[in-house]
Amino acid sequence: MFGISLIVLILILTLMAQSRDLKESLAGYETRAEVLSQQIEEEQARTQEIEDLKQYMLTDEYAEQAAREKLGLVKENEIIFQEEK
């Protein structure tokens, strides 16, 4: 009877130790899942920003801005003022 009680006690202690390890692992996985969820949200926001910029680059407003800034083009009858160096 003592032997059976000892075996049962050892099994219970083993199960408790494994349970504790599993709880620690679960906590680690939950933390990792939260971090990954946050990264997904950040990447989705970044993707939206890129998509918005892509749509803006297809507009006439962007084409005009790029022509003015990069090519130095002006509209007819437009006067340009430049600083003296």
PDB file of N, CA and C in Angstrom:
ATOM      1  N   MET A   1       0.818  -1.175   0.000  1.00  0.00           N
ATOM      2  CA  MET A   1       0.000   0.000   0.000  1.00  0.00           C
ATOM      3  C   MET A   1       0.877   1.260   0.000  1.00  0.00           C
ATOM      4  N   PHE A   2       1.939   1.205   0.772  1.00  0.00           N
ATOM      5  CA  PHE A   2       2.847   2.347   0.833  1.00  0.00           C
ATOM      6  C   PHE A   2       3.486   2.609  -0.531  1.00  0.00           C
ATOM      7  N   GLY A   3       3.833   1.567  -1.238  1.00  0.00           N
ATOM      8  CA  GLY A   3       4.452   1.675  -2.558  1.00  0.00           C
ATOM      9  C   GLY A   3       3.510   2.329  -3.556  1.00  0.00           C
ATOM     10  N   ILE A   4       2.249   1.948  -3.510  1.00  0.00           N
ATOM     11  CA  ILE A   4       1.257   2.525  -4.425  1.00  0.00           C
ATOM     12  C   ILE A   4       1.064   4.007  -4.110  1.00  0.00           C
ATOM     13  N   SER A   5       1.000   4.328  -2.813  1.00  0.00           N
ATOM     14  CA  SER A   5       0.839   5.723  -2.409  1.00  0.00           C
ATOM     15  C   SER A   5       2.034   6.556  -2.857  1.00  0.00           C
ATOM     16  N   LEU A   6       3.229   5.995  -2.769  1.00  0.00           N
ATOM     17  CA  LEU A   6       4.439   6.681  -3.188  1.00  0.00           C
ATOM     18  C   LEU A   6       4.421   6.922  -4.703  1.00  0.00           C
ATOM     19  N   ILE A   7       4.018   5.938  -5.453  1.00  0.00           N
ATOM     20  CA  ILE A   7       3.937   6.079  -6.916  1.00  0.00           C
ATOM     21  C   ILE A   7       2.912   7.140  -7.295  1.00  0.00           C
ATOM     22  N   VAL A   8       1.749   7.131  -6.642  1.00  0.00           N
ATOM     23  CA  VAL A   8       0.714   8.118  -6.920  1.00  0.00           C
ATOM     24  C   VAL A   8       1.228   9.514  -6.577  1.00  0.00           C
ATOM     25  N   LEU A   9       1.936   9.650  -5.467  1.00  0.00           N
ATOM     26  CA  LEU A   9       2.489  10.939  -5.069  1.00  0.00           C
ATOM     27  C   LEU A   9       3.506  11.432  -6.089  1.00  0.00           C
ATOM     28  N   ILE A  10       4.349  10.555  -6.558  1.00  0.00           N
ATOM     29  CA  ILE A  10       5.351  10.921  -7.570  1.00  0.00           C
ATOM     30  C   ILE A  10       4.658  11.351  -8.863  1.00  0.00           C
ATOM     31  N   LEU A  11       3.618  10.638  -9.261  1.00  0.00           N
ATOM     32  CA  LEU A  11       2.873  10.998 -10.471  1.00  0.00           C
ATOM     33  C   LEU A  11       2.211  12.371 -10.327  1.00  0.00           C
ATOM     34  N   ILE A  12       1.641  12.636  -9.176  1.00  0.00           N
ATOM     35  CA  ILE A  12       0.987  13.928  -8.935  1.00  0.00           C
ATOM     36  C   ILE A  12       2.015  15.055  -8.981  1.00  0.00           C
ATOM     37  N   LEU A  13       3.169  14.857  -8.353  1.00  0.00           N
ATOM     38  CA  LEU A  13       4.212  15.879  -8.373  1.00  0.00           C
ATOM     39  C   LEU A  13       4.732  16.110  -9.796  1.00  0.00           C
ATOM     40  N   THR A  14       4.867  15.048 -10.562  1.00  0.00           N
ATOM     41  CA  THR A  14       5.314  15.167 -11.950  1.00  0.00           C
ATOM     42  C   THR A  14       4.300  15.946 -12.778  1.00  0.00           C
ATOM     43  N   LEU A  15       3.032  15.628 -12.588  1.00  0.00           N
ATOM     44  CA  LEU A  15       1.985  16.341 -13.313  1.00  0.00           C
ATOM     45  C   LEU A  15       1.931  17.819 -12.929  1.00  0.00           C
ATOM     46  N   MET A  16       2.157  18.112 -11.660  1.00  0.00           N
ATOM     47  CA  MET A  16       2.167  19.509 -11.224  1.00  0.00           C
ATOM     48  C   MET A  16       3.328  20.267 -11.864  1.00  0.00           C
ATOM     49  N   ALA A  17       4.490  19.636 -11.930  1.00  0.00           N
ATOM     50  CA  ALA A  17       5.656  20.283 -12.543  1.00  0.00           C
ATOM     51  C   ALA A  17       5.419  20.521 -14.028  1.00  0.00           C
ATOM     52  N   GLN A  18       4.844  19.537 -14.711  1.00  0.00           N
ATOM     53  CA  GLN A  18       4.548  19.698 -16.135  1.00  0.00           C
ATOM     54  C   GLN A  18       3.490  20.775 -16.351  1.00  0.00           C
ATOM     55  N   SER A  19       2.527  20.841 -15.471  1.00  0.00           N
ATOM     56  CA  SER A  19       1.480  21.854 -15.566  1.00  0.00           C
ATOM     57  C   SER A  19       2.081  23.246 -15.435  1.00  0.00           C
ATOM     58  N   ARG A  20       3.001  23.408 -14.501  1.00  0.00           N
ATOM     59  CA  ARG A  20       3.663  24.694 -14.307  1.00  0.00           C
ATOM     60  C   ARG A  20       4.455  25.077 -15.554  1.00  0.00           C
ATOM     61  N   ASP A  21       5.174  24.119 -16.116  1.00  0.00           N
ATOM     62  CA  ASP A  21       5.938  24.381 -17.340  1.00  0.00           C
ATOM     63  C   ASP A  21       5.015  24.769 -18.501  1.00  0.00           C
ATOM     64  N   LEU A  22       3.896  24.107 -18.614  1.00  0.00           N
ATOM     65  CA  LEU A  22       2.949  24.405 -19.683  1.00  0.00           C
ATOM     66  C   LEU A  22       2.345  25.801 -19.514  1.00  0.00           C
ATOM     67  N   LYS A  23       2.077  26.189 -18.262  1.00  0.00           N
ATOM     68  CA  LYS A  23       1.544  27.531 -18.015  1.00  0.00           C
ATOM     69  C   LYS A  23       2.562  28.598 -18.404  1.00  0.00           C
ATOM     70  N   GLU A  24       3.833  28.366 -18.100  1.00  0.00           N
ATOM     71  CA  GLU A  24       4.889  29.306 -18.475  1.00  0.00           C
ATOM     72  C   GLU A  24       5.003  29.396 -19.999  1.00  0.00           C
ATOM     73  N   SER A  25       4.946  28.259 -20.655  1.00  0.00           N
ATOM     74  CA  SER A  25       5.012  28.240 -22.113  1.00  0.00           C
ATOM     75  C   SER A  25       3.824  28.985 -22.710  1.00  0.00           C
ATOM     76  N   LEU A  26       2.656  28.755 -22.156  1.00  0.00           N
ATOM     77  CA  LEU A  26       1.448  29.420 -22.645  1.00  0.00           C
ATOM     78  C   LEU A  26       1.556  30.931 -22.485  1.00  0.00           C
ATOM     79  N   ALA A  27       2.075  31.377 -21.355  1.00  0.00           N
ATOM     80  CA  ALA A  27       2.253  32.816 -21.130  1.00  0.00           C
ATOM     81  C   ALA A  27       3.220  33.400 -22.162  1.00  0.00           C
ATOM     82  N   GLY A  28       4.277  32.674 -22.453  1.00  0.00           N
ATOM     83  CA  GLY A  28       5.241  33.122 -23.468  1.00  0.00           C
ATOM     84  C   GLY A  28       4.601  33.199 -24.846  1.00  0.00           C
ATOM     85  N   TYR A  29       3.792  32.203 -25.179  1.00  0.00           N
ATOM     86  CA  TYR A  29       3.113  32.202 -26.485  1.00  0.00           C
ATOM     87  C   TYR A  29       2.098  33.331 -26.586  1.00  0.00           C
ATOM     88  N   GLU A  30       1.410  33.614 -25.497  1.00  0.00           N
ATOM     89  CA  GLU A  30       0.437  34.706 -25.504  1.00  0.00           C
ATOM     90  C   GLU A  30       1.133  36.049 -25.701  1.00  0.00           C
ATOM     91  N   THR A  31       2.265  36.221 -25.046  1.00  0.00           N
ATOM     92  CA  THR A  31       3.037  37.455 -25.213  1.00  0.00           C
ATOM     93  C   THR A  31       3.506  37.593 -26.656  1.00  0.00           C
ATOM     94  N   ARG A  32       3.997  36.507 -27.205  1.00  0.00           N
ATOM     95  CA  ARG A  32       4.471  36.511 -28.601  1.00  0.00           C
ATOM     96  C   ARG A  32       3.318  36.807 -29.562  1.00  0.00           C
ATOM     97  N   ALA A  33       2.144  36.259 -29.276  1.00  0.00           N
ATOM     98  CA  ALA A  33       0.969  36.505 -30.118  1.00  0.00           C
ATOM     99  C   ALA A  33       0.572  37.976 -30.076  1.00  0.00           C
ATOM    100  N   GLU A  34       0.657  38.599 -28.914  1.00  0.00           N
ATOM    101  CA  GLU A  34       0.345  40.025 -28.796  1.00  0.00           C
ATOM    102  C   GLU A  34       1.327  40.865 -29.606  1.00  0.00           C
ATOM    103  N   VAL A  35       2.607  40.532 -29.517  1.00  0.00           N
ATOM    104  CA  VAL A  35       3.633  41.259 -30.269  1.00  0.00           C
ATOM    105  C   VAL A  35       3.381  41.107 -31.768  1.00  0.00           C
ATOM    106  N   LEU A  36       3.088  39.891 -32.200  1.00  0.00           N
ATOM    107  CA  LEU A  36       2.826  39.660 -33.617  1.00  0.00           C
ATOM    108  C   LEU A  36       1.569  40.380 -34.085  1.00  0.00           C
ATOM    109  N   SER A  37       0.550  40.426 -33.255  1.00  0.00           N
ATOM    110  CA  SER A  37      -0.671  41.157 -33.611  1.00  0.00           C
ATOM    111  C   SER A  37      -0.378  42.639 -33.790  1.00  0.00           C
ATOM    112  N   GLN A  38       0.434  43.184 -32.913  1.00  0.00           N
ATOM    113  CA  GLN A  38       0.804  44.599 -33.020  1.00  0.00           C
ATOM    114  C   GLN A  38       1.607  44.836 -34.298  1.00  0.00           C
ATOM    115  N   GLN A  39       2.512  43.927 -34.621  1.00  0.00           N
ATOM    116  CA  GLN A  39       3.301  44.067 -35.841  1.00  0.00           C
ATOM    117  C   GLN A  39       2.402  43.995 -37.077  1.00  0.00           C
ATOM    118  N   ILE A  40       1.404  43.138 -37.036  1.00  0.00           N
ATOM    119  CA  ILE A  40       0.469  43.028 -38.154  1.00  0.00           C
ATOM    120  C   ILE A  40      -0.280  44.341 -38.328  1.00  0.00           C
ATOM    121  N   GLU A  41      -0.742  44.926 -37.234  1.00  0.00           N
ATOM    122  CA  GLU A  41      -1.453  46.207 -37.307  1.00  0.00           C
ATOM    123  C   GLU A  41      -0.558  47.305 -37.878  1.00  0.00           C
ATOM    124  N   GLU A  42       0.703  47.340 -37.443  1.00  0.00           N
ATOM    125  CA  GLU A  42       1.638  48.342 -37.952  1.00  0.00           C
ATOM    126  C   GLU A  42       1.871  48.162 -39.450  1.00  0.00           C
ATOM    127  N   GLU A  43       2.025  46.922 -39.879  1.00  0.00           N
ATOM    128  CA  GLU A  43       2.251  46.648 -41.301  1.00  0.00           C
ATOM    129  C   GLU A  43       1.016  46.969 -42.131  1.00  0.00           C
ATOM    130  N   GLN A  44      -0.173  46.738 -41.575  1.00  0.00           N
ATOM    131  CA  GLN A  44      -1.397  47.092 -42.288  1.00  0.00           C
ATOM    132  C   GLN A  44      -1.507  48.603 -42.442  1.00  0.00           C
ATOM    133  N   ALA A  45      -1.138  49.345 -41.398  1.00  0.00           N
ATOM    134  CA  ALA A  45      -1.151  50.804 -41.479  1.00  0.00           C
ATOM    135  C   ALA A  45      -0.135  51.281 -42.515  1.00  0.00           C
ATOM    136  N   ARG A  46       1.025  50.676 -42.525  1.00  0.00           N
ATOM    137  CA  ARG A  46       2.066  51.031 -43.497  1.00  0.00           C
ATOM    138  C   ARG A  46       1.603  50.721 -44.912  1.00  0.00           C
ATOM    139  N   THR A  47       0.952  49.590 -45.089  1.00  0.00           N
ATOM    140  CA  THR A  47       0.423  49.216 -46.395  1.00  0.00           C
ATOM    141  C   THR A  47      -0.613  50.223 -46.864  1.00  0.00           C
ATOM    142  N   GLN A  48      -1.453  50.685 -45.937  1.00  0.00           N
ATOM    143  CA  GLN A  48      -2.463  51.689 -46.288  1.00  0.00           C
ATOM    144  C   GLN A  48      -1.810  53.002 -46.696  1.00  0.00           C
ATOM    145  N   GLU A  49      -0.755  53.405 -45.976  1.00  0.00           N
ATOM    146  CA  GLU A  49      -0.033  54.624 -46.332  1.00  0.00           C
ATOM    147  C   GLU A  49       0.557  54.520 -47.733  1.00  0.00           C
ATOM    148  N   ILE A  50       1.126  53.373 -48.041  1.00  0.00           N
ATOM    149  CA  ILE A  50       1.711  53.157 -49.367  1.00  0.00           C
ATOM    150  C   ILE A  50       0.627  53.198 -50.435  1.00  0.00           C
ATOM    151  N   GLU A  51      -0.497  52.581 -50.164  1.00  0.00           N
ATOM    152  CA  GLU A  51      -1.611  52.584 -51.112  1.00  0.00           C
ATOM    153  C   GLU A  51      -2.132  54.010 -51.324  1.00  0.00           C
ATOM    154  N   ASP A  52      -2.239  54.795 -50.247  1.00  0.00           N
ATOM    155  CA  ASP A  52      -2.673  56.182 -50.366  1.00  0.00           C
ATOM    156  C   ASP A  52      -1.691  56.995 -51.218  1.00  0.00           C
ATOM    157  N   LEU A  53      -0.389  56.782 -50.981  1.00  0.00           N
ATOM    158  CA  LEU A  53       0.628  57.480 -51.755  1.00  0.00           C
ATOM    159  C   LEU A  53       0.552  57.068 -53.226  1.00  0.00           C
ATOM    160  N   LYS A  54       0.329  55.799 -53.466  1.00  0.00           N
ATOM    161  CA  LYS A  54       0.201  55.295 -54.839  1.00  0.00           C
ATOM    162  C   LYS A  54      -0.962  55.976 -55.551  1.00  0.00           C
ATOM    163  N   GLN A  55      -2.094  56.089 -54.865  1.00  0.00           N
ATOM    164  CA  GLN A  55      -3.254  56.757 -55.451  1.00  0.00           C
ATOM    165  C   GLN A  55      -2.968  58.233 -55.699  1.00  0.00           C
ATOM    166  N   TYR A  56      -2.263  58.889 -54.768  1.00  0.00           N
ATOM    167  CA  TYR A  56      -1.917  60.302 -54.928  1.00  0.00           C
ATOM    168  C   TYR A  56      -0.997  60.501 -56.135  1.00  0.00           C
ATOM    169  N   MET A  57      -0.073  59.562 -56.329  1.00  0.00           N
ATOM    170  CA  MET A  57       0.877  59.685 -57.432  1.00  0.00           C
ATOM    171  C   MET A  57       0.200  59.552 -58.799  1.00  0.00           C
ATOM    172  N   LEU A  58      -1.019  59.050 -58.828  1.00  0.00           N
ATOM    173  CA  LEU A  58      -1.757  58.934 -60.082  1.00  0.00           C
ATOM    174  C   LEU A  58      -2.560  60.199 -60.409  1.00  0.00           C
ATOM    175  N   THR A  59      -2.550  61.184 -59.508  1.00  0.00           N
ATOM    176  CA  THR A  59      -3.353  62.388 -59.713  1.00  0.00           C
ATOM    177  C   THR A  59      -2.582  63.438 -60.508  1.00  0.00           C
ATOM    178  N   ASP A  60      -3.342  64.361 -61.092  1.00  0.00           N
ATOM    179  CA  ASP A  60      -2.738  65.477 -61.819  1.00  0.00           C
ATOM    180  C   ASP A  60      -1.989  66.402 -60.865  1.00  0.00           C
ATOM    181  N   GLU A  61      -2.478  66.512 -59.653  1.00  0.00           N
ATOM    182  CA  GLU A  61      -1.835  67.364 -58.646  1.00  0.00           C
ATOM    183  C   GLU A  61      -0.391  66.911 -58.405  1.00  0.00           C
ATOM    184  N   TYR A  62      -0.183  65.599 -58.285  1.00  0.00           N
ATOM    185  CA  TYR A  62       1.171  65.080 -58.074  1.00  0.00           C
ATOM    186  C   TYR A  62       2.038  65.331 -59.303  1.00  0.00           C
ATOM    187  N   ALA A  63       1.474  65.106 -60.497  1.00  0.00           N
ATOM    188  CA  ALA A  63       2.238  65.322 -61.722  1.00  0.00           C
ATOM    189  C   ALA A  63       2.684  66.782 -61.824  1.00  0.00           C
ATOM    190  N   GLU A  64       1.794  67.703 -61.477  1.00  0.00           N
ATOM    191  CA  GLU A  64       2.137  69.122 -61.520  1.00  0.00           C
ATOM    192  C   GLU A  64       3.218  69.443 -60.494  1.00  0.00           C
ATOM    193  N   GLN A  65       3.071  68.905 -59.292  1.00  0.00           N
ATOM    194  CA  GLN A  65       4.061  69.150 -58.237  1.00  0.00           C
ATOM    195  C   GLN A  65       5.428  68.615 -58.652  1.00  0.00           C
ATOM    196  N   ALA A  66       5.463  67.417 -59.207  1.00  0.00           N
ATOM    197  CA  ALA A  66       6.730  66.823 -59.631  1.00  0.00           C
ATOM    198  C   ALA A  66       7.353  67.633 -60.760  1.00  0.00           C
ATOM    199  N   ALA A  67       6.537  68.097 -61.701  1.00  0.00           N
ATOM    200  CA  ALA A  67       7.051  68.905 -62.805  1.00  0.00           C
ATOM    201  C   ALA A  67       7.641  70.203 -62.297  1.00  0.00           C
ATOM    202  N   ARG A  68       7.010  70.808 -61.321  1.00  0.00           N
ATOM    203  CA  ARG A  68       7.516  72.065 -60.767  1.00  0.00           C
ATOM    204  C   ARG A  68       8.807  71.849 -59.984  1.00  0.00           C
ATOM    205  N   GLU A  69       8.818  70.857 -59.106  1.00  0.00           N
ATOM    206  CA  GLU A  69       9.967  70.654 -58.213  1.00  0.00           C
ATOM    207  C   GLU A  69      11.164  70.039 -58.924  1.00  0.00           C
ATOM    208  N   LYS A  70      10.938  69.031 -59.729  1.00  0.00           N
ATOM    209  CA  LYS A  70      12.053  68.286 -60.312  1.00  0.00           C
ATOM    210  C   LYS A  70      12.502  68.838 -61.656  1.00  0.00           C
ATOM    211  N   LEU A  71      11.560  69.357 -62.421  1.00  0.00           N
ATOM    212  CA  LEU A  71      11.906  69.824 -63.761  1.00  0.00           C
ATOM    213  C   LEU A  71      11.931  71.344 -63.874  1.00  0.00           C
ATOM    214  N   GLY A  72      11.446  72.029 -62.855  1.00  0.00           N
ATOM    215  CA  GLY A  72      11.460  73.482 -62.856  1.00  0.00           C
ATOM    216  C   GLY A  72      10.462  74.097 -63.833  1.00  0.00           C
ATOM    217  N   LEU A  73       9.444  73.370 -64.198  1.00  0.00           N
ATOM    218  CA  LEU A  73       8.452  73.877 -65.135  1.00  0.00           C
ATOM    219  C   LEU A  73       7.501  74.848 -64.442  1.00  0.00           C
ATOM    220  N   VAL A  74       6.954  75.773 -65.235  1.00  0.00           N
ATOM    221  CA  VAL A  74       5.996  76.751 -64.719  1.00  0.00           C
ATOM    222  C   VAL A  74       4.816  76.830 -65.666  1.00  0.00           C
ATOM    223  N   LYS A  75       3.726  77.396 -65.184  1.00  0.00           N
ATOM    224  CA  LYS A  75       2.550  77.606 -66.022  1.00  0.00           C
ATOM    225  C   LYS A  75       2.733  78.874 -66.845  1.00  0.00           C
ATOM    226  N   GLU A  76       1.921  79.002 -67.890  1.00  0.00           N
ATOM    227  CA  GLU A  76       1.964  80.211 -68.707  1.00  0.00           C
ATOM    228  C   GLU A  76       1.594  81.420 -67.851  1.00  0.00           C
ATOM    229  N   ASN A  77       2.214  82.545 -68.149  1.00  0.00           N
ATOM    230  CA  ASN A  77       1.957  83.811 -67.459  1.00  0.00           C
ATOM    231  C   ASN A  77       2.253  83.746 -65.963  1.00  0.00           C
ATOM    232  N   GLU A  78       3.089  82.828 -65.545  1.00  0.00           N
ATOM    233  CA  GLU A  78       3.450  82.705 -64.136  1.00  0.00           C
ATOM    234  C   GLU A  78       4.805  83.368 -63.931  1.00  0.00           C
ATOM    235  N   ILE A  79       4.905  84.151 -62.892  1.00  0.00           N
ATOM    236  CA  ILE A  79       6.148  84.848 -62.599  1.00  0.00           C
ATOM    237  C   ILE A  79       6.871  84.108 -61.488  1.00  0.00           C
ATOM    238  N   ILE A  80       8.159  83.875 -61.688  1.00  0.00           N
ATOM    239  CA  ILE A  80       8.965  83.154 -60.698  1.00  0.00           C
ATOM    240  C   ILE A  80       9.893  84.147 -60.014  1.00  0.00           C
ATOM    241  N   PHE A  81       9.905  84.101 -58.708  1.00  0.00           N
ATOM    242  CA  PHE A  81      10.805  84.934 -57.928  1.00  0.00           C
ATOM    243  C   PHE A  81      11.892  84.049 -57.344  1.00  0.00           C
ATOM    244  N   GLN A  82      13.135  84.478 -57.526  1.00  0.00           N
ATOM    245  CA  GLN A  82      14.251  83.707 -56.989  1.00  0.00           C
ATOM    246  C   GLN A  82      15.098  84.613 -56.113  1.00  0.00           C
ATOM    247  N   GLU A  83      15.691  84.040 -55.092  1.00  0.00           N
ATOM    248  CA  GLU A  83      16.577  84.782 -54.211  1.00  0.00           C
ATOM    249  C   GLU A  83      17.893  85.031 -54.916  1.00  0.00           C
ATOM    250  N   GLU A  84      18.463  86.211 -54.645  1.00  0.00           N
ATOM    251  CA  GLU A  84      19.798  86.490 -55.188  1.00  0.00           C
ATOM    252  C   GLU A  84      20.825  85.818 -54.307  1.00  0.00           C
ATOM    253  N   LYS A  85      21.847  85.319 -54.930  1.00  0.00           N
ATOM    254  CA  LYS A  85      22.890  84.619 -54.173  1.00  0.00           C
ATOM    255  C   LYS A  85      24.060  85.512 -53.907  1.00  0.00           C
TER     256      LYS A  85
END
